[in-house]
Amino acid sequence: MFKCALLGSCLIFFLSGCAVEPLQLQQRINEAYDFEVTHCDSFALVTGVSRHANNLAEAKQSAALQGQELGGTHIVWLQTDMGDPTKVVAIVYKCLL
């Protein structure tokens, strides 16, 4: 009887642990200059586009979000085109801290 109760308690404990999703820490990508990331690995090229009032900021935010979703730690802006639409191009880096 004791073994069944213990086994049932352990089973409930382990199953409840699987049901709870661990908290994700908010990750933020850092803007950098190329000389600041010489020790890092570049692994992606991202672009951002905006046609709204705050064009440049929104385009950069879009590109930075892409880099963040890819797991990047730093972003270096390569090109800004202030035409219509506003476009930005950047390289995403992963730096070990």
N, C-alpha and C. Protein backbone atom coordinates (compact mmCIF):
# COMPACT_ATOMS: atom_id res chain seq x y z
N MET A 1 0.83 -1.19 0.00
CA MET A 1 0.00 0.00 0.00
C MET A 1 0.88 1.26 0.00
N PHE A 2 1.91 1.23 0.85
CA PHE A 2 2.80 2.39 0.94
C PHE A 2 3.53 2.62 -0.38
N LYS A 3 3.94 1.52 -1.04
CA LYS A 3 4.64 1.65 -2.32
C LYS A 3 3.73 2.28 -3.38
N CYS A 4 2.46 1.91 -3.39
CA CYS A 4 1.51 2.48 -4.36
C CYS A 4 1.32 3.97 -4.11
N ALA A 5 1.20 4.35 -2.85
CA ALA A 5 1.01 5.77 -2.52
C ALA A 5 2.26 6.56 -2.88
N LEU A 6 3.42 6.00 -2.60
CA LEU A 6 4.68 6.67 -2.93
C LEU A 6 4.85 6.79 -4.44
N LEU A 7 4.54 5.72 -5.15
CA LEU A 7 4.64 5.74 -6.61
C LEU A 7 3.67 6.75 -7.20
N GLY A 8 2.45 6.78 -6.67
CA GLY A 8 1.44 7.75 -7.15
C GLY A 8 1.88 9.18 -6.87
N SER A 9 2.44 9.42 -5.70
CA SER A 9 2.91 10.77 -5.36
C SER A 9 4.04 11.20 -6.27
N CYS A 10 4.97 10.30 -6.53
CA CYS A 10 6.10 10.62 -7.42
C CYS A 10 5.61 10.89 -8.84
N LEU A 11 4.66 10.08 -9.30
CA LEU A 11 4.12 10.25 -10.64
C LEU A 11 3.44 11.61 -10.78
N ILE A 12 2.65 11.98 -9.80
CA ILE A 12 1.97 13.29 -9.82
C ILE A 12 3.00 14.41 -9.78
N PHE A 13 4.01 14.26 -8.96
CA PHE A 13 5.06 15.27 -8.85
C PHE A 13 5.76 15.49 -10.19
N PHE A 14 6.15 14.41 -10.84
CA PHE A 14 6.86 14.53 -12.12
C PHE A 14 5.97 15.05 -13.23
N LEU A 15 4.73 14.60 -13.27
CA LEU A 15 3.81 15.08 -14.31
C LEU A 15 3.48 16.55 -14.12
N SER A 16 3.33 16.98 -12.89
CA SER A 16 3.03 18.41 -12.66
C SER A 16 4.24 19.27 -13.04
N GLY A 17 5.43 18.74 -12.88
CA GLY A 17 6.63 19.47 -13.30
C GLY A 17 6.70 19.65 -14.80
N CYS A 18 6.17 18.72 -15.55
CA CYS A 18 6.16 18.82 -17.01
C CYS A 18 5.12 19.82 -17.49
N ALA A 19 4.07 19.99 -16.72
CA ALA A 19 2.98 20.86 -17.15
C ALA A 19 3.31 22.34 -16.97
N VAL A 20 4.22 22.64 -16.09
CA VAL A 20 4.56 24.03 -15.83
C VAL A 20 5.66 24.46 -16.79
N GLU A 21 5.41 25.51 -17.53
CA GLU A 21 6.39 26.02 -18.48
C GLU A 21 7.39 26.90 -17.75
N PRO A 22 8.67 26.70 -17.97
CA PRO A 22 9.65 27.56 -17.29
C PRO A 22 9.57 28.99 -17.80
N LEU A 23 9.83 29.92 -16.93
CA LEU A 23 9.80 31.32 -17.32
C LEU A 23 10.94 31.62 -18.27
N GLN A 24 10.63 32.34 -19.33
CA GLN A 24 11.67 32.73 -20.27
C GLN A 24 12.15 34.12 -19.89
N LEU A 25 13.45 34.25 -19.81
CA LEU A 25 14.02 35.55 -19.54
C LEU A 25 13.93 36.40 -20.80
N GLN A 26 13.59 37.65 -20.63
CA GLN A 26 13.52 38.53 -21.78
C GLN A 26 14.92 38.77 -22.31
N GLN A 27 15.11 38.42 -23.56
CA GLN A 27 16.41 38.58 -24.20
C GLN A 27 16.40 39.90 -24.96
N ARG A 28 17.50 40.58 -24.95
CA ARG A 28 17.60 41.85 -25.66
C ARG A 28 18.86 41.84 -26.49
N ILE A 29 18.75 42.30 -27.71
CA ILE A 29 19.91 42.38 -28.59
C ILE A 29 20.53 43.77 -28.43
N ASN A 30 21.84 43.84 -28.42
CA ASN A 30 22.55 45.10 -28.21
C ASN A 30 23.08 45.66 -29.52
N GLU A 31 22.89 46.96 -29.72
CA GLU A 31 23.47 47.62 -30.88
C GLU A 31 24.97 47.79 -30.62
N ALA A 32 25.77 47.56 -31.66
CA ALA A 32 27.22 47.65 -31.50
C ALA A 32 27.86 48.20 -32.77
N TYR A 33 29.11 48.62 -32.63
CA TYR A 33 29.93 48.98 -33.78
C TYR A 33 30.75 47.75 -34.16
N ASP A 34 31.23 47.71 -35.39
CA ASP A 34 31.95 46.52 -35.85
C ASP A 34 33.20 46.21 -35.03
N PHE A 35 33.89 47.22 -34.51
CA PHE A 35 35.09 46.96 -33.72
C PHE A 35 34.76 46.36 -32.35
N GLU A 36 33.51 46.46 -31.92
CA GLU A 36 33.11 45.90 -30.63
C GLU A 36 32.79 44.41 -30.70
N VAL A 37 32.63 43.88 -31.90
CA VAL A 37 32.22 42.48 -32.04
C VAL A 37 33.26 41.63 -32.79
N THR A 38 34.51 42.06 -32.76
CA THR A 38 35.56 41.33 -33.48
C THR A 38 35.78 39.93 -32.90
N HIS A 39 35.46 39.72 -31.63
CA HIS A 39 35.63 38.42 -30.98
C HIS A 39 34.38 37.54 -31.08
N CYS A 40 33.35 38.01 -31.79
CA CYS A 40 32.06 37.33 -31.86
C CYS A 40 31.88 36.62 -33.21
N ASP A 41 30.89 35.75 -33.27
CA ASP A 41 30.56 35.04 -34.51
C ASP A 41 29.40 35.74 -35.20
N SER A 42 29.59 36.13 -36.45
CA SER A 42 28.48 36.68 -37.23
C SER A 42 27.76 35.50 -37.88
N PHE A 43 26.43 35.50 -37.83
CA PHE A 43 25.73 34.34 -38.37
C PHE A 43 24.46 34.66 -39.14
N ALA A 44 24.06 35.92 -39.22
CA ALA A 44 22.83 36.23 -39.96
C ALA A 44 22.85 37.66 -40.48
N LEU A 45 22.14 37.85 -41.56
CA LEU A 45 21.92 39.17 -42.14
C LEU A 45 20.42 39.42 -42.04
N VAL A 46 20.03 40.53 -41.43
CA VAL A 46 18.61 40.84 -41.26
C VAL A 46 18.29 42.18 -41.89
N THR A 47 17.03 42.35 -42.26
CA THR A 47 16.56 43.61 -42.84
C THR A 47 15.31 44.06 -42.11
N GLY A 48 15.10 45.36 -42.11
CA GLY A 48 13.88 45.93 -41.55
C GLY A 48 13.33 46.95 -42.52
N VAL A 49 12.00 47.02 -42.60
CA VAL A 49 11.33 47.93 -43.53
C VAL A 49 10.19 48.61 -42.79
N SER A 50 9.97 49.90 -43.08
CA SER A 50 8.85 50.63 -42.49
C SER A 50 8.34 51.69 -43.44
N ARG A 51 7.03 51.88 -43.42
CA ARG A 51 6.38 52.94 -44.19
C ARG A 51 5.61 53.89 -43.26
N HIS A 52 5.80 53.78 -41.98
CA HIS A 52 5.03 54.57 -41.02
C HIS A 52 5.74 55.86 -40.63
N ALA A 53 5.12 56.63 -39.73
CA ALA A 53 5.62 57.95 -39.34
C ALA A 53 7.04 57.90 -38.75
N ASN A 54 7.28 56.93 -37.89
CA ASN A 54 8.59 56.81 -37.24
C ASN A 54 9.42 55.77 -38.00
N ASN A 55 9.70 56.05 -39.26
CA ASN A 55 10.27 55.08 -40.19
C ASN A 55 11.54 54.39 -39.72
N LEU A 56 12.57 55.16 -39.41
CA LEU A 56 13.87 54.58 -39.10
C LEU A 56 13.81 53.73 -37.83
N ALA A 57 13.19 54.25 -36.79
CA ALA A 57 13.10 53.51 -35.53
C ALA A 57 12.33 52.20 -35.71
N GLU A 58 11.26 52.24 -36.46
CA GLU A 58 10.45 51.04 -36.67
C GLU A 58 11.19 50.01 -37.52
N ALA A 59 11.90 50.46 -38.54
CA ALA A 59 12.67 49.54 -39.38
C ALA A 59 13.78 48.88 -38.56
N LYS A 60 14.47 49.66 -37.73
CA LYS A 60 15.53 49.10 -36.89
C LYS A 60 14.95 48.13 -35.86
N GLN A 61 13.80 48.47 -35.31
CA GLN A 61 13.16 47.60 -34.33
C GLN A 61 12.79 46.26 -34.97
N SER A 62 12.30 46.30 -36.19
CA SER A 62 11.93 45.08 -36.91
C SER A 62 13.16 44.20 -37.15
N ALA A 63 14.25 44.79 -37.59
CA ALA A 63 15.48 44.02 -37.83
C ALA A 63 16.05 43.47 -36.52
N ALA A 64 16.03 44.28 -35.47
CA ALA A 64 16.56 43.84 -34.18
C ALA A 64 15.73 42.69 -33.62
N LEU A 65 14.43 42.73 -33.80
CA LEU A 65 13.56 41.65 -33.34
C LEU A 65 13.89 40.35 -34.07
N GLN A 66 14.15 40.44 -35.36
CA GLN A 66 14.55 39.26 -36.13
C GLN A 66 15.85 38.68 -35.58
N GLY A 67 16.81 39.56 -35.32
CA GLY A 67 18.09 39.11 -34.77
C GLY A 67 17.94 38.48 -33.40
N GLN A 68 17.07 39.05 -32.59
CA GLN A 68 16.80 38.52 -31.26
C GLN A 68 16.16 37.14 -31.35
N GLU A 69 15.19 36.99 -32.26
CA GLU A 69 14.52 35.70 -32.42
C GLU A 69 15.49 34.62 -32.92
N LEU A 70 16.52 35.02 -33.65
CA LEU A 70 17.53 34.07 -34.13
C LEU A 70 18.54 33.71 -33.05
N GLY A 71 18.49 34.39 -31.91
CA GLY A 71 19.41 34.10 -30.81
C GLY A 71 20.65 34.97 -30.80
N GLY A 72 20.62 36.07 -31.53
CA GLY A 72 21.76 36.97 -31.56
C GLY A 72 21.89 37.78 -30.28
N THR A 73 23.10 38.20 -29.99
CA THR A 73 23.33 39.04 -28.82
C THR A 73 23.65 40.48 -29.20
N HIS A 74 24.17 40.69 -30.43
CA HIS A 74 24.55 42.02 -30.89
C HIS A 74 24.15 42.21 -32.35
N ILE A 75 23.91 43.47 -32.72
CA ILE A 75 23.55 43.80 -34.09
C ILE A 75 24.37 45.00 -34.54
N VAL A 76 24.89 44.92 -35.75
CA VAL A 76 25.69 46.01 -36.33
C VAL A 76 24.99 46.47 -37.60
N TRP A 77 24.64 47.76 -37.65
CA TRP A 77 23.92 48.31 -38.80
C TRP A 77 24.89 48.51 -39.96
N LEU A 78 24.52 47.99 -41.12
CA LEU A 78 25.36 48.12 -42.31
C LEU A 78 24.89 49.23 -43.23
N GLN A 79 23.58 49.31 -43.42
CA GLN A 79 23.06 50.25 -44.41
C GLN A 79 21.70 50.77 -43.96
N THR A 80 21.46 52.06 -44.24
CA THR A 80 20.17 52.69 -44.00
C THR A 80 19.75 53.41 -45.27
N ASP A 81 18.55 53.10 -45.73
CA ASP A 81 17.99 53.73 -46.92
C ASP A 81 16.73 54.48 -46.49
N MET A 82 16.80 55.81 -46.50
CA MET A 82 15.68 56.63 -46.02
C MET A 82 14.64 56.91 -47.11
N GLY A 83 14.57 56.08 -48.13
CA GLY A 83 13.58 56.26 -49.19
C GLY A 83 12.19 55.86 -48.70
N ASP A 84 11.32 55.62 -49.65
CA ASP A 84 9.97 55.17 -49.30
C ASP A 84 9.78 53.79 -49.90
N PRO A 85 9.84 52.74 -49.13
CA PRO A 85 9.89 52.67 -47.67
C PRO A 85 11.32 52.81 -47.12
N THR A 86 11.41 53.09 -45.83
CA THR A 86 12.71 53.13 -45.16
C THR A 86 13.18 51.69 -44.93
N LYS A 87 14.45 51.42 -45.26
CA LYS A 87 15.00 50.07 -45.12
C LYS A 87 16.32 50.13 -44.35
N VAL A 88 16.56 49.10 -43.58
CA VAL A 88 17.85 48.95 -42.89
C VAL A 88 18.35 47.53 -43.11
N VAL A 89 19.67 47.39 -43.10
CA VAL A 89 20.31 46.08 -43.23
C VAL A 89 21.34 45.99 -42.11
N ALA A 90 21.42 44.83 -41.46
CA ALA A 90 22.34 44.65 -40.34
C ALA A 90 22.86 43.23 -40.28
N ILE A 91 24.00 43.07 -39.62
CA ILE A 91 24.57 41.75 -39.34
C ILE A 91 24.30 41.42 -37.88
N VAL A 92 23.90 40.18 -37.64
CA VAL A 92 23.63 39.71 -36.28
C VAL A 92 24.82 38.88 -35.81
N TYR A 93 25.24 39.13 -34.58
CA TYR A 93 26.38 38.43 -33.99
C TYR A 93 25.94 37.70 -32.73
N LYS A 94 26.68 36.64 -32.42
CA LYS A 94 26.51 35.95 -31.15
C LYS A 94 27.83 36.04 -30.42
N CYS A 95 27.81 36.73 -29.30
CA CYS A 95 29.02 36.94 -28.50
C CYS A 95 28.91 36.16 -27.20
N LEU A 96 29.94 35.43 -26.86
CA LEU A 96 29.99 34.74 -25.58
C LEU A 96 30.48 35.73 -24.54
N LEU A 97 29.74 35.85 -23.47
CA LEU A 97 30.09 36.84 -22.45
C LEU A 97 31.05 36.31 -21.44
